[in-house]
Amino acid sequence: MNRQERMYGKNGAKYGIYNTSAKKFQFGICEDTPMLAEARLIQKIGNDARKWRFVVKRLPEDKEVE
């Protein structure tokens, strides 16, 4: 993901938080840009958001967030 996409996102795409340990999207976060998704994660869980297992990924079109 380049800097432009990180700040502004892609047209029509939504971003969420993916847990690489559990291999699924978590926390029900669905934002327009990766930066907003990361900020929402910090609001929800605080400093634990800095752990290595949480990454921002583009949500699949057909997948519902749990």
C-alpha atoms as a PDB file:
ATOM      1  CA  MET A   1       0.000   0.000   0.000  1.00  0.00           C
ATOM      2  CA  ASN A   2       1.537   3.293  -1.050  1.00  0.00           C
ATOM      3  CA  ARG A   3       1.345   6.621   0.788  1.00  0.00           C
ATOM      4  CA  GLN A   4      -1.390   8.004  -1.461  1.00  0.00           C
ATOM      5  CA  GLU A   5      -3.682   5.024  -0.838  1.00  0.00           C
ATOM      6  CA  ARG A   6      -2.915   5.101   2.904  1.00  0.00           C
ATOM      7  CA  MET A   7      -4.087   8.699   3.207  1.00  0.00           C
ATOM      8  CA  TYR A   8      -6.953   8.838   0.713  1.00  0.00           C
ATOM      9  CA  GLY A   9      -7.946   5.211   0.094  1.00  0.00           C
ATOM     10  CA  LYS A  10      -9.230   3.857  -3.188  1.00  0.00           C
ATOM     11  CA  ASN A  11     -12.507   4.887  -4.747  1.00  0.00           C
ATOM     12  CA  GLY A  12     -15.292   2.676  -3.389  1.00  0.00           C
ATOM     13  CA  ALA A  13     -13.009   0.572  -1.153  1.00  0.00           C
ATOM     14  CA  LYS A  14     -13.448   0.050   2.587  1.00  0.00           C
ATOM     15  CA  TYR A  15     -10.705  -0.852   5.039  1.00  0.00           C
ATOM     16  CA  GLY A  16     -10.732  -2.908   8.224  1.00  0.00           C
ATOM     17  CA  ILE A  17      -8.405  -4.409  10.813  1.00  0.00           C
ATOM     18  CA  TYR A  18      -7.069  -7.881  10.047  1.00  0.00           C
ATOM     19  CA  ASN A  19      -5.641 -10.073  12.798  1.00  0.00           C
ATOM     20  CA  THR A  20      -2.778 -12.100  11.320  1.00  0.00           C
ATOM     21  CA  SER A  21      -2.824 -14.557  14.252  1.00  0.00           C
ATOM     22  CA  ALA A  22      -6.523 -15.400  14.034  1.00  0.00           C
ATOM     23  CA  LYS A  23      -6.572 -14.863  10.252  1.00  0.00           C
ATOM     24  CA  LYS A  24      -9.793 -12.851  10.252  1.00  0.00           C
ATOM     25  CA  PHE A  25     -11.089  -9.300  10.344  1.00  0.00           C
ATOM     26  CA  GLN A  26     -11.871  -8.049  13.840  1.00  0.00           C
ATOM     27  CA  PHE A  27     -13.514  -5.234  15.805  1.00  0.00           C
ATOM     28  CA  GLY A  28     -16.138  -4.453  13.152  1.00  0.00           C
ATOM     29  CA  ILE A  29     -14.139  -1.534  11.778  1.00  0.00           C
ATOM     30  CA  CYS A  30     -15.105  -0.395   8.272  1.00  0.00           C
ATOM     31  CA  GLU A  31     -13.586   2.938   7.212  1.00  0.00           C
ATOM     32  CA  ASP A  32     -12.946   4.796   3.961  1.00  0.00           C
ATOM     33  CA  THR A  33      -9.166   5.092   4.399  1.00  0.00           C
ATOM     34  CA  PRO A  34      -6.499   2.978   6.112  1.00  0.00           C
ATOM     35  CA  MET A  35      -5.522   5.886   8.370  1.00  0.00           C
ATOM     36  CA  LEU A  36      -9.100   6.213   9.634  1.00  0.00           C
ATOM     37  CA  ALA A  37      -9.285   2.463  10.274  1.00  0.00           C
ATOM     38  CA  GLU A  38      -6.087   2.597  12.302  1.00  0.00           C
ATOM     39  CA  ALA A  39      -7.328   5.605  14.283  1.00  0.00           C
ATOM     40  CA  ARG A  40     -10.606   3.809  15.041  1.00  0.00           C
ATOM     41  CA  LEU A  41      -8.650   0.780  16.296  1.00  0.00           C
ATOM     42  CA  ILE A  42      -6.634   2.987  18.656  1.00  0.00           C
ATOM     43  CA  GLN A  43      -9.877   4.519  19.936  1.00  0.00           C
ATOM     44  CA  LYS A  44     -11.327   1.058  20.584  1.00  0.00           C
ATOM     45  CA  ILE A  45      -8.450  -0.825  22.204  1.00  0.00           C
ATOM     46  CA  GLY A  46      -5.861   1.827  23.076  1.00  0.00           C
ATOM     47  CA  ASN A  47      -2.150   1.109  23.102  1.00  0.00           C
ATOM     48  CA  ASP A  48      -2.663  -2.601  22.303  1.00  0.00           C
ATOM     49  CA  ALA A  49      -3.311  -1.467  18.719  1.00  0.00           C
ATOM     50  CA  ARG A  50       0.463  -1.247  18.237  1.00  0.00           C
ATOM     51  CA  LYS A  51       0.859  -5.033  18.405  1.00  0.00           C
ATOM     52  CA  TRP A  52       2.364  -6.736  15.369  1.00  0.00           C
ATOM     53  CA  ARG A  53      -0.690  -8.869  14.664  1.00  0.00           C
ATOM     54  CA  PHE A  54      -3.052  -6.030  13.695  1.00  0.00           C
ATOM     55  CA  VAL A  55      -2.746  -4.779  10.111  1.00  0.00           C
ATOM     56  CA  VAL A  56      -5.009  -2.624   7.981  1.00  0.00           C
ATOM     57  CA  LYS A  57      -6.336  -4.390   4.880  1.00  0.00           C
ATOM     58  CA  ARG A  58      -8.871  -3.638   2.199  1.00  0.00           C
ATOM     59  CA  LEU A  59     -12.152  -5.405   2.947  1.00  0.00           C
ATOM     60  CA  PRO A  60     -13.354  -7.884   0.325  1.00  0.00           C
ATOM     61  CA  GLU A  61     -16.494  -6.784  -1.538  1.00  0.00           C
ATOM     62  CA  ASP A  62     -18.505  -9.865  -0.555  1.00  0.00           C
ATOM     63  CA  LYS A  63     -17.327 -10.216   3.074  1.00  0.00           C
ATOM     64  CA  GLU A  64     -19.266  -8.941   6.090  1.00  0.00           C
ATOM     65  CA  VAL A  65     -17.277  -7.607   9.053  1.00  0.00           C
ATOM     66  CA  GLU A  66     -17.730  -9.604  12.261  1.00  0.00           C
END
